[in-house]
Amino acid sequence: MRSGVCVAMIGSLLLATLLSPTVVAHEQKTLTVILTDDGVVAGNVTDLAFVQGNSVWFRMEDSTNNTTMVVQIDTNLDGVFNASDDFDSGELVNACELDENGSLVDETCAVSATHQFMQNATVGTYLFWVHRNHNGSQTVWNHSITVNKDVHEEDGPSPGDCFGIGCDGDEGEQGSE
């Protein structure tokens, strides 16, 4: 009696596993945007593979003396930058001074900044601005990032699909017998 219950439990678990929906996931990606003295490399991001949950990484590569950059992203899609609602990278420099142990001398020094879009981020085009400050003179570059819907498609048949003997697609095989 006990072995019958055990076999029934194992059978039920196996059946539940076979009938459970398949989930296809993918690795989230990080897009690199290089900030140079001439502008932004990969300025407008329109790649269809850039989807909800992905990140954008801004790297300061302008080695001009006395130059800093700040990246601002309009994350709430209202068309303007609001410090309390949107992303601000803080001041980015080309290189940070390190001590003899390899630690930052100034803890606030940064050469890069990352913004991750939420898994449920609104699909659309986000504006971002790069403010380049050189010796008190400021230049602003306007760009955009398009965030696409993160679609997880399943491989294999869908509910209601016909496959095997008796389906229209198999008539050629049946006729050759």
C-alpha atoms as a PDB file:
ATOM      1  CA  MET A   1       0.000   0.000   0.000  1.00  0.00           C
ATOM      2  CA  ARG A   2       2.755   2.372   0.937  1.00  0.00           C
ATOM      3  CA  SER A   3       4.645   1.760  -2.323  1.00  0.00           C
ATOM      4  CA  GLY A   4       1.472   2.545  -4.291  1.00  0.00           C
ATOM      5  CA  VAL A   5       1.184   5.949  -2.610  1.00  0.00           C
ATOM      6  CA  CYS A   6       4.871   6.622  -3.288  1.00  0.00           C
ATOM      7  CA  VAL A   7       4.488   5.730  -6.980  1.00  0.00           C
ATOM      8  CA  ALA A   8       1.388   7.947  -7.211  1.00  0.00           C
ATOM      9  CA  MET A   9       3.286  10.883  -5.647  1.00  0.00           C
ATOM     10  CA  ILE A  10       6.246  10.471  -7.989  1.00  0.00           C
ATOM     11  CA  GLY A  11       3.884  10.171 -10.949  1.00  0.00           C
ATOM     12  CA  SER A  12       2.044  13.330  -9.898  1.00  0.00           C
ATOM     13  CA  LEU A  13       5.292  15.282  -9.533  1.00  0.00           C
ATOM     14  CA  LEU A  14       6.527  14.075 -12.917  1.00  0.00           C
ATOM     15  CA  LEU A  15       3.244  15.020 -14.564  1.00  0.00           C
ATOM     16  CA  ALA A  16       3.306  18.465 -12.920  1.00  0.00           C
ATOM     17  CA  THR A  17       6.859  19.002 -14.209  1.00  0.00           C
ATOM     18  CA  LEU A  18       5.901  18.044 -17.755  1.00  0.00           C
ATOM     19  CA  LEU A  19       2.814  20.254 -17.777  1.00  0.00           C
ATOM     20  CA  SER A  20       4.418  23.328 -16.201  1.00  0.00           C
ATOM     21  CA  PRO A  21       5.075  26.199 -18.626  1.00  0.00           C
ATOM     22  CA  THR A  22       8.564  26.572 -20.013  1.00  0.00           C
ATOM     23  CA  VAL A  23      10.316  29.813 -19.133  1.00  0.00           C
ATOM     24  CA  VAL A  24      12.969  31.103 -21.516  1.00  0.00           C
ATOM     25  CA  ALA A  25      15.235  33.705 -19.965  1.00  0.00           C
ATOM     26  CA  HIS A  26      18.206  35.572 -21.277  1.00  0.00           C
ATOM     27  CA  GLU A  27      21.156  37.311 -19.751  1.00  0.00           C
ATOM     28  CA  GLN A  28      20.716  41.024 -19.180  1.00  0.00           C
ATOM     29  CA  LYS A  29      23.128  43.133 -21.207  1.00  0.00           C
ATOM     30  CA  THR A  30      25.125  46.275 -20.511  1.00  0.00           C
ATOM     31  CA  LEU A  31      25.646  48.759 -23.319  1.00  0.00           C
ATOM     32  CA  THR A  32      28.847  50.827 -23.225  1.00  0.00           C
ATOM     33  CA  VAL A  33      28.755  54.525 -24.135  1.00  0.00           C
ATOM     34  CA  ILE A  34      32.172  56.214 -24.409  1.00  0.00           C
ATOM     35  CA  LEU A  35      32.423  59.936 -23.627  1.00  0.00           C
ATOM     36  CA  THR A  36      35.251  61.569 -25.629  1.00  0.00           C
ATOM     37  CA  ASP A  37      36.423  65.110 -26.325  1.00  0.00           C
ATOM     38  CA  ASP A  38      34.714  64.911 -29.755  1.00  0.00           C
ATOM     39  CA  GLY A  39      31.378  63.690 -28.469  1.00  0.00           C
ATOM     40  CA  VAL A  40      29.652  60.492 -27.538  1.00  0.00           C
ATOM     41  CA  VAL A  41      30.545  57.159 -29.146  1.00  0.00           C
ATOM     42  CA  ALA A  42      27.338  55.099 -29.543  1.00  0.00           C
ATOM     43  CA  GLY A  43      25.376  58.299 -29.027  1.00  0.00           C
ATOM     44  CA  ASN A  44      21.843  57.339 -30.002  1.00  0.00           C
ATOM     45  CA  VAL A  45      21.100  53.831 -28.839  1.00  0.00           C
ATOM     46  CA  THR A  46      18.442  52.250 -31.058  1.00  0.00           C
ATOM     47  CA  ASP A  47      19.483  48.579 -31.041  1.00  0.00           C
ATOM     48  CA  LEU A  48      16.401  46.324 -30.867  1.00  0.00           C
ATOM     49  CA  ALA A  49      18.348  44.059 -28.480  1.00  0.00           C
ATOM     50  CA  PHE A  50      18.401  46.839 -25.846  1.00  0.00           C
ATOM     51  CA  VAL A  51      15.421  45.868 -23.703  1.00  0.00           C
ATOM     52  CA  GLN A  52      13.835  46.435 -20.305  1.00  0.00           C
ATOM     53  CA  GLY A  53      16.194  45.386 -17.510  1.00  0.00           C
ATOM     54  CA  ASN A  54      19.361  46.180 -19.498  1.00  0.00           C
ATOM     55  CA  SER A  55      21.967  48.697 -18.336  1.00  0.00           C
ATOM     56  CA  VAL A  56      23.865  51.506 -19.973  1.00  0.00           C
ATOM     57  CA  TRP A  57      27.445  52.181 -18.818  1.00  0.00           C
ATOM     58  CA  PHE A  58      28.974  55.620 -19.424  1.00  0.00           C
ATOM     59  CA  ARG A  59      32.801  55.755 -19.467  1.00  0.00           C
ATOM     60  CA  MET A  60      34.703  59.073 -19.443  1.00  0.00           C
ATOM     61  CA  GLU A  61      37.596  58.903 -21.940  1.00  0.00           C
ATOM     62  CA  ASP A  62      38.249  62.625 -22.496  1.00  0.00           C
ATOM     63  CA  SER A  63      41.826  63.230 -21.310  1.00  0.00           C
ATOM     64  CA  THR A  64      41.758  67.002 -21.893  1.00  0.00           C
ATOM     65  CA  ASN A  65      43.081  68.829 -18.792  1.00  0.00           C
ATOM     66  CA  ASN A  66      40.480  70.388 -16.486  1.00  0.00           C
ATOM     67  CA  THR A  67      37.594  68.507 -18.089  1.00  0.00           C
ATOM     68  CA  THR A  68      34.681  66.783 -16.397  1.00  0.00           C
ATOM     69  CA  MET A  69      31.416  65.343 -17.689  1.00  0.00           C
ATOM     70  CA  VAL A  70      27.999  64.710 -16.196  1.00  0.00           C
ATOM     71  CA  VAL A  71      25.386  62.392 -17.761  1.00  0.00           C
ATOM     72  CA  GLN A  72      21.706  62.956 -17.088  1.00  0.00           C
ATOM     73  CA  ILE A  73      18.899  60.610 -18.226  1.00  0.00           C
ATOM     74  CA  ASP A  74      15.231  61.575 -18.285  1.00  0.00           C
ATOM     75  CA  THR A  75      14.066  58.317 -16.684  1.00  0.00           C
ATOM     76  CA  ASN A  76      10.461  59.396 -16.156  1.00  0.00           C
ATOM     77  CA  LEU A  77      10.032  60.427 -19.839  1.00  0.00           C
ATOM     78  CA  ASP A  78       8.689  63.901 -19.080  1.00  0.00           C
ATOM     79  CA  GLY A  79      11.162  65.616 -21.446  1.00  0.00           C
ATOM     80  CA  VAL A  80      13.122  67.487 -18.768  1.00  0.00           C
ATOM     81  CA  PHE A  81      15.762  66.615 -16.204  1.00  0.00           C
ATOM     82  CA  ASN A  82      14.645  66.725 -12.566  1.00  0.00           C
ATOM     83  CA  ALA A  83      17.393  65.808 -10.095  1.00  0.00           C
ATOM     84  CA  SER A  84      14.969  64.099  -7.711  1.00  0.00           C
ATOM     85  CA  ASP A  85      13.216  61.981 -10.384  1.00  0.00           C
ATOM     86  CA  ASP A  86      15.875  61.232 -13.004  1.00  0.00           C
ATOM     87  CA  PHE A  87      19.365  59.690 -13.263  1.00  0.00           C
ATOM     88  CA  ASP A  88      22.461  61.858 -12.704  1.00  0.00           C
ATOM     89  CA  SER A  89      25.919  60.281 -13.012  1.00  0.00           C
ATOM     90  CA  GLY A  90      27.638  62.830 -10.858  1.00  0.00           C
ATOM     91  CA  GLU A  91      30.887  64.362 -12.053  1.00  0.00           C
ATOM     92  CA  LEU A  92      33.020  61.996 -14.158  1.00  0.00           C
ATOM     93  CA  VAL A  93      36.748  62.475 -14.794  1.00  0.00           C
ATOM     94  CA  ASN A  94      39.273  60.674 -17.008  1.00  0.00           C
ATOM     95  CA  ALA A  95      41.346  59.244 -14.147  1.00  0.00           C
ATOM     96  CA  CYS A  96      41.205  59.123 -10.364  1.00  0.00           C
ATOM     97  CA  GLU A  97      44.228  59.467  -8.109  1.00  0.00           C
ATOM     98  CA  LEU A  98      45.090  56.311  -6.162  1.00  0.00           C
ATOM     99  CA  ASP A  99      47.207  55.900  -3.035  1.00  0.00           C
ATOM    100  CA  GLU A 100      50.046  53.376  -2.592  1.00  0.00           C
ATOM    101  CA  ASN A 101      47.460  50.660  -1.730  1.00  0.00           C
ATOM    102  CA  GLY A 102      45.453  51.246  -4.911  1.00  0.00           C
ATOM    103  CA  SER A 103      42.578  52.904  -3.054  1.00  0.00           C
ATOM    104  CA  LEU A 104      40.924  56.122  -4.193  1.00  0.00           C
ATOM    105  CA  VAL A 105      42.422  59.253  -2.650  1.00  0.00           C
ATOM    106  CA  ASP A 106      39.073  61.029  -3.184  1.00  0.00           C
ATOM    107  CA  GLU A 107      36.176  58.618  -2.514  1.00  0.00           C
ATOM    108  CA  THR A 108      33.830  60.712  -4.686  1.00  0.00           C
ATOM    109  CA  CYS A 109      36.062  60.444  -7.768  1.00  0.00           C
ATOM    110  CA  ALA A 110      34.454  58.460 -10.630  1.00  0.00           C
ATOM    111  CA  VAL A 111      35.420  57.628 -14.209  1.00  0.00           C
ATOM    112  CA  SER A 112      32.195  55.825 -15.092  1.00  0.00           C
ATOM    113  CA  ALA A 113      28.549  55.506 -14.141  1.00  0.00           C
ATOM    114  CA  THR A 114      25.913  52.844 -14.802  1.00  0.00           C
ATOM    115  CA  HIS A 115      22.153  53.130 -15.065  1.00  0.00           C
ATOM    116  CA  GLN A 116      20.015  49.985 -15.111  1.00  0.00           C
ATOM    117  CA  PHE A 117      16.547  50.232 -16.574  1.00  0.00           C
ATOM    118  CA  MET A 118      13.975  48.391 -14.467  1.00  0.00           C
ATOM    119  CA  GLN A 119      12.480  45.086 -15.691  1.00  0.00           C
ATOM    120  CA  ASN A 120       9.162  46.911 -16.024  1.00  0.00           C
ATOM    121  CA  ALA A 121      10.609  50.172 -17.429  1.00  0.00           C
ATOM    122  CA  THR A 122       8.332  52.010 -19.819  1.00  0.00           C
ATOM    123  CA  VAL A 123       9.071  51.040 -23.408  1.00  0.00           C
ATOM    124  CA  GLY A 124      10.112  54.110 -25.397  1.00  0.00           C
ATOM    125  CA  THR A 125      12.831  56.615 -26.156  1.00  0.00           C
ATOM    126  CA  TYR A 126      14.654  58.152 -23.200  1.00  0.00           C
ATOM    127  CA  LEU A 127      16.570  61.407 -23.629  1.00  0.00           C
ATOM    128  CA  PHE A 128      20.015  61.767 -22.142  1.00  0.00           C
ATOM    129  CA  TRP A 129      22.326  64.748 -21.936  1.00  0.00           C
ATOM    130  CA  VAL A 130      26.089  64.840 -21.579  1.00  0.00           C
ATOM    131  CA  HIS A 131      27.401  68.056 -20.025  1.00  0.00           C
ATOM    132  CA  ARG A 132      31.106  68.542 -20.866  1.00  0.00           C
ATOM    133  CA  ASN A 133      32.833  71.135 -18.681  1.00  0.00           C
ATOM    134  CA  HIS A 134      36.265  72.345 -19.795  1.00  0.00           C
ATOM    135  CA  ASN A 135      37.927  75.257 -17.970  1.00  0.00           C
ATOM    136  CA  GLY A 136      34.538  76.737 -17.038  1.00  0.00           C
ATOM    137  CA  SER A 137      33.096  76.393 -20.559  1.00  0.00           C
ATOM    138  CA  GLN A 138      30.175  73.986 -20.940  1.00  0.00           C
ATOM    139  CA  THR A 139      29.026  72.009 -23.980  1.00  0.00           C
ATOM    140  CA  VAL A 140      25.854  69.910 -23.899  1.00  0.00           C
ATOM    141  CA  TRP A 141      25.274  66.938 -26.199  1.00  0.00           C
ATOM    142  CA  ASN A 142      21.724  65.576 -26.607  1.00  0.00           C
ATOM    143  CA  HIS A 143      21.162  61.891 -27.302  1.00  0.00           C
ATOM    144  CA  SER A 144      18.586  59.167 -26.804  1.00  0.00           C
ATOM    145  CA  ILE A 145      18.256  55.539 -25.729  1.00  0.00           C
ATOM    146  CA  THR A 146      15.424  53.380 -27.034  1.00  0.00           C
ATOM    147  CA  VAL A 147      14.249  50.741 -24.565  1.00  0.00           C
ATOM    148  CA  ASN A 148      12.357  47.902 -26.232  1.00  0.00           C
ATOM    149  CA  LYS A 149       9.944  45.393 -24.707  1.00  0.00           C
ATOM    150  CA  ASP A 150      11.662  42.357 -23.204  1.00  0.00           C
ATOM    151  CA  VAL A 151       9.819  39.503 -24.910  1.00  0.00           C
ATOM    152  CA  HIS A 152      10.446  35.942 -23.769  1.00  0.00           C
ATOM    153  CA  GLU A 153       9.338  33.561 -26.480  1.00  0.00           C
ATOM    154  CA  GLU A 154       9.007  29.864 -25.918  1.00  0.00           C
ATOM    155  CA  ASP A 155      10.301  27.259 -28.352  1.00  0.00           C
ATOM    156  CA  GLY A 156       8.096  24.336 -29.252  1.00  0.00           C
ATOM    157  CA  PRO A 157       4.388  23.868 -29.747  1.00  0.00           C
ATOM    158  CA  SER A 158       1.783  26.199 -28.340  1.00  0.00           C
ATOM    159  CA  PRO A 159      -1.426  25.025 -26.695  1.00  0.00           C
ATOM    160  CA  GLY A 160      -3.806  23.843 -29.427  1.00  0.00           C
ATOM    161  CA  ASP A 161      -1.060  23.122 -32.013  1.00  0.00           C
ATOM    162  CA  CYS A 162      -1.476  19.851 -33.886  1.00  0.00           C
ATOM    163  CA  PHE A 163       1.541  17.585 -34.314  1.00  0.00           C
ATOM    164  CA  GLY A 164       2.011  13.912 -35.035  1.00  0.00           C
ATOM    165  CA  ILE A 165      -0.230  11.465 -36.896  1.00  0.00           C
ATOM    166  CA  GLY A 166      -3.485  12.951 -38.100  1.00  0.00           C
ATOM    167  CA  CYS A 167      -2.282  16.544 -38.624  1.00  0.00           C
ATOM    168  CA  ASP A 168      -2.370  18.235 -42.024  1.00  0.00           C
ATOM    169  CA  GLY A 169       1.405  18.615 -42.141  1.00  0.00           C
ATOM    170  CA  ASP A 170       1.910  14.812 -42.013  1.00  0.00           C
ATOM    171  CA  GLU A 171      -0.230  13.909 -45.058  1.00  0.00           C
ATOM    172  CA  GLY A 172       2.829  13.543 -47.293  1.00  0.00           C
ATOM    173  CA  GLU A 173       4.281  10.893 -44.985  1.00  0.00           C
ATOM    174  CA  GLN A 174       1.008   8.962 -44.806  1.00  0.00           C
ATOM    175  CA  GLY A 175       0.643   8.924 -48.623  1.00  0.00           C
ATOM    176  CA  SER A 176       4.086   7.377 -49.115  1.00  0.00           C
ATOM    177  CA  GLU A 177       3.290   4.324 -46.988  1.00  0.00           C
END
